[in-house]
Protein backbone atom coordinates (compact mmCIF):
# COMPACT_ATOMS: atom_id res chain seq x y z
CA UNK A 1 -0.08 0.14 -0.07
CA UNK A 2 1.36 3.50 -0.99
CA UNK A 3 1.38 5.79 1.89
CA UNK A 4 2.04 9.53 2.35
CA UNK A 5 3.30 10.81 5.85
CA UNK A 6 3.39 14.28 6.74
CA UNK A 7 5.55 15.24 9.65
CA UNK A 8 7.08 11.72 9.23
CA UNK A 9 10.49 12.74 10.92
CA UNK A 10 8.92 14.00 13.84
CA UNK A 11 7.87 12.39 17.46
CA UNK A 12 4.95 10.67 16.21
CA UNK A 13 5.32 10.67 12.74
CA UNK A 14 8.40 8.65 12.75
CA UNK A 15 6.97 5.73 14.86
CA UNK A 16 3.93 5.80 12.34
CA UNK A 17 6.56 5.51 9.81
CA UNK A 18 8.80 2.71 11.71
CA UNK A 19 5.06 0.66 11.98
CA UNK A 20 4.37 1.43 8.20
CA UNK A 21 7.24 -0.03 7.20
CA UNK A 22 7.44 -3.19 9.40
CA UNK A 23 4.14 -3.70 7.58
CA UNK A 24 5.62 -3.54 4.03
CA UNK A 25 4.11 -0.21 3.20
CA UNK A 26 5.33 1.62 0.38
CA UNK A 27 6.11 4.73 2.53
CA UNK A 28 7.01 8.64 1.42
CA UNK A 29 7.69 10.94 4.02
CA UNK A 30 6.96 14.53 3.58
CA UNK A 31 9.08 16.97 6.24
CA UNK A 32 10.65 20.30 6.76
CA UNK A 33 12.85 19.19 9.62
CA UNK A 34 11.53 22.48 11.33
CA UNK A 35 10.76 20.12 14.86
CA UNK A 36 11.30 16.60 13.04
CA UNK A 37 14.79 14.88 12.78
CA UNK A 38 16.39 12.88 10.12
CA UNK A 39 17.96 10.74 12.84
CA UNK A 40 14.57 9.38 13.59
CA UNK A 41 13.96 7.71 9.96
CA UNK A 42 17.59 7.57 8.74
CA UNK A 43 17.92 4.16 9.08
CA UNK A 44 14.72 3.56 6.71
CA UNK A 45 16.26 6.04 4.32
CA UNK A 46 19.71 4.17 4.25
CA UNK A 47 17.86 1.08 3.36
CA UNK A 48 15.97 2.57 0.76
CA UNK A 49 12.54 1.51 2.93
CA UNK A 50 11.00 5.03 2.31
CA UNK A 51 11.18 8.22 -0.03
CA UNK A 52 12.08 10.97 1.99
CA UNK A 53 10.89 14.62 0.54
CA UNK A 54 12.50 17.47 2.37
CA UNK A 55 10.09 20.66 1.95
CA UNK A 56 7.05 22.81 3.66
CA UNK A 57 3.44 22.18 3.52
CA UNK A 58 2.72 25.47 2.86
CA UNK A 59 5.01 25.43 -0.18
CA UNK A 60 2.26 24.99 -2.83
CA UNK A 61 4.59 24.41 -5.76
CA UNK A 62 6.78 21.87 -3.69
CA UNK A 63 3.79 19.92 -2.05
CA UNK A 64 2.14 19.67 -5.59
CA UNK A 65 4.85 17.60 -6.98
CA UNK A 66 5.61 15.96 -3.66
CA UNK A 67 1.98 14.37 -4.09
CA UNK A 68 1.40 13.84 -7.33
CA UNK A 69 1.42 9.95 -6.94
CA UNK A 70 -1.67 7.49 -6.71
CA UNK A 71 -1.34 6.98 -2.56
CA UNK A 72 -3.89 4.89 -0.82
CA UNK A 73 -3.63 7.08 2.31
CA UNK A 74 -2.37 9.95 3.89
CA UNK A 75 -1.33 10.15 7.37
CA UNK A 76 -1.24 14.11 8.14
CA UNK A 77 0.95 14.42 11.28
CA UNK A 78 2.85 17.67 10.46
CA UNK A 79 2.04 20.47 12.66
CA UNK A 80 3.19 23.24 15.13
CA UNK A 81 3.23 21.14 18.45
CA UNK A 82 3.55 23.75 20.70
CA UNK A 83 0.59 24.42 23.00
CA UNK A 84 2.12 27.51 24.66
CA UNK A 85 2.65 29.29 21.10
CA UNK A 86 0.86 32.93 21.34
CA UNK A 87 1.63 33.60 24.91
CA UNK A 88 5.34 33.13 25.20
CA UNK A 89 6.22 36.16 22.64
CA UNK A 90 5.76 33.77 19.32
CA UNK A 91 3.52 34.62 16.38
CA UNK A 92 -0.06 33.14 17.07
CA UNK A 93 -0.41 33.30 13.14
CA UNK A 94 2.09 30.44 12.99
CA UNK A 95 -0.61 28.06 14.42
CA UNK A 96 -3.06 29.24 11.34
CA UNK A 97 -0.32 28.89 8.85
CA UNK A 98 1.69 25.60 9.82
CA UNK A 99 -1.42 23.67 11.57
CA UNK A 100 -4.65 25.15 9.20
CA UNK A 101 -3.50 26.42 6.11
CA UNK A 102 -0.72 23.69 5.61
CA UNK A 103 -3.96 20.80 6.35
CA UNK A 104 -5.53 22.56 3.80
CA UNK A 105 -3.20 22.22 1.31
CA UNK A 106 -2.80 18.79 1.90
CA UNK A 107 -6.53 18.05 1.54
CA UNK A 108 -6.40 20.41 -2.08
CA UNK A 109 -3.65 17.92 -3.14
CA UNK A 110 -5.53 15.12 -2.16
CA UNK A 111 -8.88 16.08 -3.75
CA UNK A 112 -6.56 16.87 -7.22
CA UNK A 113 -4.62 13.59 -7.08
CA UNK A 114 -7.97 11.69 -6.06
CA UNK A 115 -6.87 10.40 -2.78
CA UNK A 116 -9.51 9.18 -0.71
CA UNK A 117 -8.28 8.46 2.88
CA UNK A 118 -6.61 10.42 5.75
CA UNK A 119 -5.69 9.82 9.03
CA UNK A 120 -5.23 13.18 10.97
CA UNK A 121 -3.57 13.76 14.58
CA UNK A 122 -5.51 15.74 16.67
CA UNK A 123 -5.51 16.83 20.61
CA UNK A 124 -7.75 16.82 23.52
CA UNK A 125 -7.11 20.46 23.33
CA UNK A 126 -9.93 20.71 21.31
CA UNK A 127 -12.36 20.22 24.18
CA UNK A 128 -10.81 23.04 26.30
CA UNK A 129 -11.89 22.89 29.80
CA UNK A 130 -14.44 19.86 29.74
CA UNK A 131 -17.15 19.67 32.20
CA UNK A 132 -17.39 16.07 31.76
CA UNK A 133 -14.26 14.04 32.91
CA UNK A 134 -13.66 11.18 31.57
CA UNK A 135 -14.67 13.52 28.07
CA UNK A 136 -16.21 11.51 25.22
CA UNK A 137 -16.08 12.51 21.58
CA UNK A 138 -19.63 13.93 21.56
CA UNK A 139 -18.54 16.64 24.60
CA UNK A 140 -18.52 20.40 23.50
CA UNK A 141 -15.56 21.68 21.44
CA UNK A 142 -14.66 25.03 23.44
CA UNK A 143 -10.91 24.86 22.74
CA UNK A 144 -8.76 27.51 25.05
CA UNK A 145 -5.58 27.50 23.51
CA UNK A 146 -5.02 28.46 19.95
CA UNK A 147 -3.36 25.08 19.14
CA UNK A 148 -6.69 23.76 20.18
CA UNK A 149 -8.43 26.17 18.40
CA UNK A 150 -6.15 25.40 15.31
CA UNK A 151 -6.59 21.67 15.43
CA UNK A 152 -10.15 22.00 15.48
CA UNK A 153 -10.27 24.20 12.55
CA UNK A 154 -8.25 21.08 10.84
CA UNK A 155 -10.81 18.69 11.72
CA UNK A 156 -13.62 20.95 10.24
CA UNK A 157 -11.90 21.39 7.03
CA UNK A 158 -11.19 17.12 7.14
CA UNK A 159 -15.00 16.12 7.90
CA UNK A 160 -16.50 18.87 5.32
CA UNK A 161 -13.64 17.72 2.58
CA UNK A 162 -15.16 14.05 3.13
CA UNK A 163 -18.56 14.99 2.60
CA UNK A 164 -17.99 17.21 -0.08
CA UNK A 165 -15.41 15.40 -2.37
CA UNK A 166 -15.71 11.75 -0.94
CA UNK A 167 -12.62 11.58 1.52
CA UNK A 168 -12.62 8.90 4.48
CA UNK A 169 -10.99 10.02 7.54
CA UNK A 170 -9.65 9.15 10.97
CA UNK A 171 -9.23 11.81 13.20
CA UNK A 172 -7.40 10.90 16.85
CA UNK A 173 -7.78 13.28 19.75
CA UNK A 174 -4.88 12.29 21.98
CA UNK A 175 -4.33 12.60 25.25
CA UNK A 176 -0.50 13.72 26.16
CA UNK A 177 1.95 11.60 23.94
CA UNK A 178 4.94 10.42 25.45
CA UNK A 179 7.83 7.87 24.85
CA UNK A 180 11.23 7.83 23.05
CA UNK A 181 12.05 10.79 20.35
CA UNK A 182 10.02 13.23 22.26
CA UNK A 183 11.00 16.64 21.68
CA UNK A 184 8.63 18.85 23.47
CA UNK A 185 6.36 18.79 26.43
CA UNK A 186 6.89 18.59 30.41
CA UNK A 187 9.13 15.86 30.58
CA UNK A 188 11.68 17.52 27.67
CA UNK A 189 11.07 20.70 30.18
CA UNK A 190 11.72 19.05 33.56
CA UNK A 191 14.99 17.11 32.15
CA UNK A 192 16.54 19.88 30.64
CA UNK A 193 15.78 22.45 33.88
CA UNK A 194 17.56 19.84 36.22
CA UNK A 195 20.32 19.03 33.92
CA UNK A 196 21.08 23.20 34.22
CA UNK A 197 20.49 23.29 37.82
CA UNK A 198 20.03 19.43 39.57
CA UNK A 199 19.28 21.45 42.94
CA UNK A 200 16.00 23.07 41.75
CA UNK A 201 12.97 22.50 39.49
CA UNK A 202 10.52 25.36 38.49
CA UNK A 203 7.17 23.99 38.09
CA UNK A 204 4.48 25.98 36.37
CA UNK A 205 1.33 26.44 38.39
CA UNK A 206 0.97 24.76 41.58
CA UNK A 207 1.68 21.36 40.87
CA UNK A 208 -1.55 20.00 41.35
CA UNK A 209 -3.04 20.14 37.48
CA UNK A 210 -3.81 16.55 36.36
CA UNK A 211 -3.70 15.15 33.29
CA UNK A 212 -3.59 11.54 31.35
CA UNK A 213 -0.62 10.41 29.45
CA UNK A 214 -0.48 8.11 26.77
CA UNK A 215 3.08 5.91 25.67
CA UNK A 216 3.64 6.17 22.24
CA UNK A 217 3.48 2.29 21.80
CA UNK A 218 -0.05 2.48 22.89
CA UNK A 219 -0.66 5.55 20.49
CA UNK A 220 0.51 3.86 17.28
CA UNK A 221 -1.54 0.42 18.34
CA UNK A 222 -4.67 2.36 19.05
CA UNK A 223 -4.60 4.55 15.40
CA UNK A 224 -3.71 1.13 13.47
CA UNK A 225 -6.30 -0.63 15.21
CA UNK A 226 -8.82 1.99 14.59
CA UNK A 227 -7.80 1.97 11.12
CA UNK A 228 -8.71 -1.55 10.47
CA UNK A 229 -12.00 -1.35 12.89
CA UNK A 230 -13.80 1.72 11.74
CA UNK A 231 -15.05 2.35 8.22
CA UNK A 232 -17.39 4.70 8.76
CA UNK A 233 -16.76 8.12 6.64
CA UNK A 234 -15.77 10.05 9.51
CA UNK A 235 -14.19 8.00 12.04
CA UNK A 236 -13.36 10.37 15.38
CA UNK A 237 -11.67 8.66 18.21
CA UNK A 238 -10.26 9.96 21.79
CA UNK A 239 -6.71 8.04 22.56
CA UNK A 240 -5.56 7.99 25.81
CA UNK A 241 -4.98 5.99 29.18
CA UNK A 242 -7.70 5.71 31.68
CA UNK A 243 -6.30 7.70 34.33
CA UNK A 244 -4.47 10.73 35.22
CA UNK A 245 -1.24 11.88 37.00
CA UNK A 246 -0.52 14.98 38.73
CA UNK A 247 2.27 17.38 37.50
CA UNK A 248 4.29 17.11 40.81
CA UNK A 249 4.10 13.24 40.75
CA UNK A 250 5.85 13.78 37.36
CA UNK A 251 8.39 15.98 38.65
CA UNK A 252 9.29 13.47 41.36
CA UNK A 253 9.54 10.45 38.73
CA UNK A 254 12.15 12.74 36.58
CA UNK A 255 14.10 13.43 39.72
CA UNK A 256 14.02 9.73 40.49
CA UNK A 257 15.01 8.46 37.03
CA UNK A 258 17.86 11.05 36.80
CA UNK A 259 18.78 9.68 40.47
CA UNK A 260 18.91 13.52 41.93
CA UNK A 261 18.58 14.29 45.79
CA UNK A 262 17.58 16.55 47.43
CA UNK A 263 15.84 18.58 44.72
CA UNK A 264 13.64 21.57 45.64
CA UNK A 265 10.21 22.42 43.73
CA UNK A 266 9.50 25.74 43.18
CA UNK A 267 5.88 26.62 41.94
CA UNK A 268 5.13 29.39 39.69
CA UNK A 269 1.76 29.52 41.17
CA UNK A 270 -1.92 29.58 40.17
CA UNK A 271 -4.20 26.65 38.88
CA UNK A 272 -2.55 26.27 35.28
CA UNK A 273 1.00 26.33 34.26
CA UNK A 274 0.15 29.28 31.38
CA UNK A 275 -2.69 31.01 29.70
CA UNK A 276 -4.57 28.55 27.87
CA UNK A 277 -3.46 25.53 30.00
CA UNK A 278 -6.16 23.09 30.84
CA UNK A 279 -5.64 22.13 34.68
CA UNK A 280 -7.80 18.73 34.14
CA UNK A 281 -7.92 16.28 31.36
CA UNK A 282 -9.03 12.67 30.79
CA UNK A 283 -10.54 11.41 28.02
CA UNK A 284 -13.12 8.61 27.85
CA UNK A 285 -11.84 5.90 25.41
CA UNK A 286 -15.15 3.86 25.50
CA UNK A 287 -15.98 4.16 22.05
CA UNK A 288 -12.54 2.81 20.84
CA UNK A 289 -12.60 0.16 23.86
CA UNK A 290 -15.97 -1.10 22.32
CA UNK A 291 -14.03 -2.34 19.39
CA UNK A 292 -11.40 -4.04 21.12
CA UNK A 293 -8.79 -2.32 21.92
CA UNK A 294 -7.36 -0.68 25.79
CA UNK A 295 -4.11 1.04 26.29
CA UNK A 296 -1.27 -1.27 27.80
CA UNK A 297 -0.01 1.33 30.01
CA UNK A 298 -1.39 3.84 32.74
CA UNK A 299 -0.22 7.31 32.97
CA UNK A 300 2.45 6.83 35.52
CA UNK A 301 3.98 3.90 33.57
CA UNK A 302 3.86 5.92 30.47
CA UNK A 303 5.40 8.85 32.08
CA UNK A 304 7.99 6.53 33.61
CA UNK A 305 9.09 4.60 30.18
CA UNK A 306 9.17 8.15 28.59
CA UNK A 307 11.59 9.12 31.03
CA UNK A 308 13.81 6.52 31.12
CA UNK A 309 14.37 6.96 27.37
CA UNK A 310 14.81 10.70 27.76
CA UNK A 311 17.53 10.20 30.56
CA UNK A 312 19.23 7.01 29.49
CA UNK A 313 19.08 6.65 25.58
């Protein structure tokens, strides 16, 4: 099966590429290497098991040439993953361009080349501060971050293209995904801070924020499982673990795995880490569980496994 993976050199994308190659698929990776790393997929390039095309999804000329093929399915994973973008001095337009417009460009090339299936990686951030926890897929979508808003806009374009142009879609709303090759997020933030100062760790907020964490292995398993088992025109699934973990507990795990002693935790205060942060998040995964999938790791196991890779790899 011919497959295109946008963002295939990134954190989640490279794991998707691994699984597709293992399954014998013919894979074309499109990535601008802005946040992705060539080293994540280099072994596949060296053995000629994939085709790698370096370029930006905002470059219509490049994208038109890159996607001019008869691919069976597109895994659209490329995005700007930084939830805090827009509140730390960076132009918020980047979410519009790198998430929404990039997705529109991909869908347009799919339409032109008559590609009929797309997998999209979305986020729990589309729900904002959900009133119902665990949060099911039919909950109101009221994002409070620009990242969540951009992902929800992408979902809308994807589903509308499905009904207008006959493109079948699988949309996965992830909890916080952690694991090998992680390049951003709280685990990277904590380990980097402690490497600079092993005696003190700044924790944004009050440490009482609690969220669900999903290990990469479970994440990819769930995506591939739902792709096989769910065949609606639009297939939307929450993917996460069935519990949550406090931010302060994550800090303790990082300290333990780095084998540090007498680390002082310094809290910035408030019930959230930044503007747009959701203090409580846990997704209901009943929908995909009814199809027969469940995670192999809980939140604490996912975090600890991921930290081990960060610290020891």
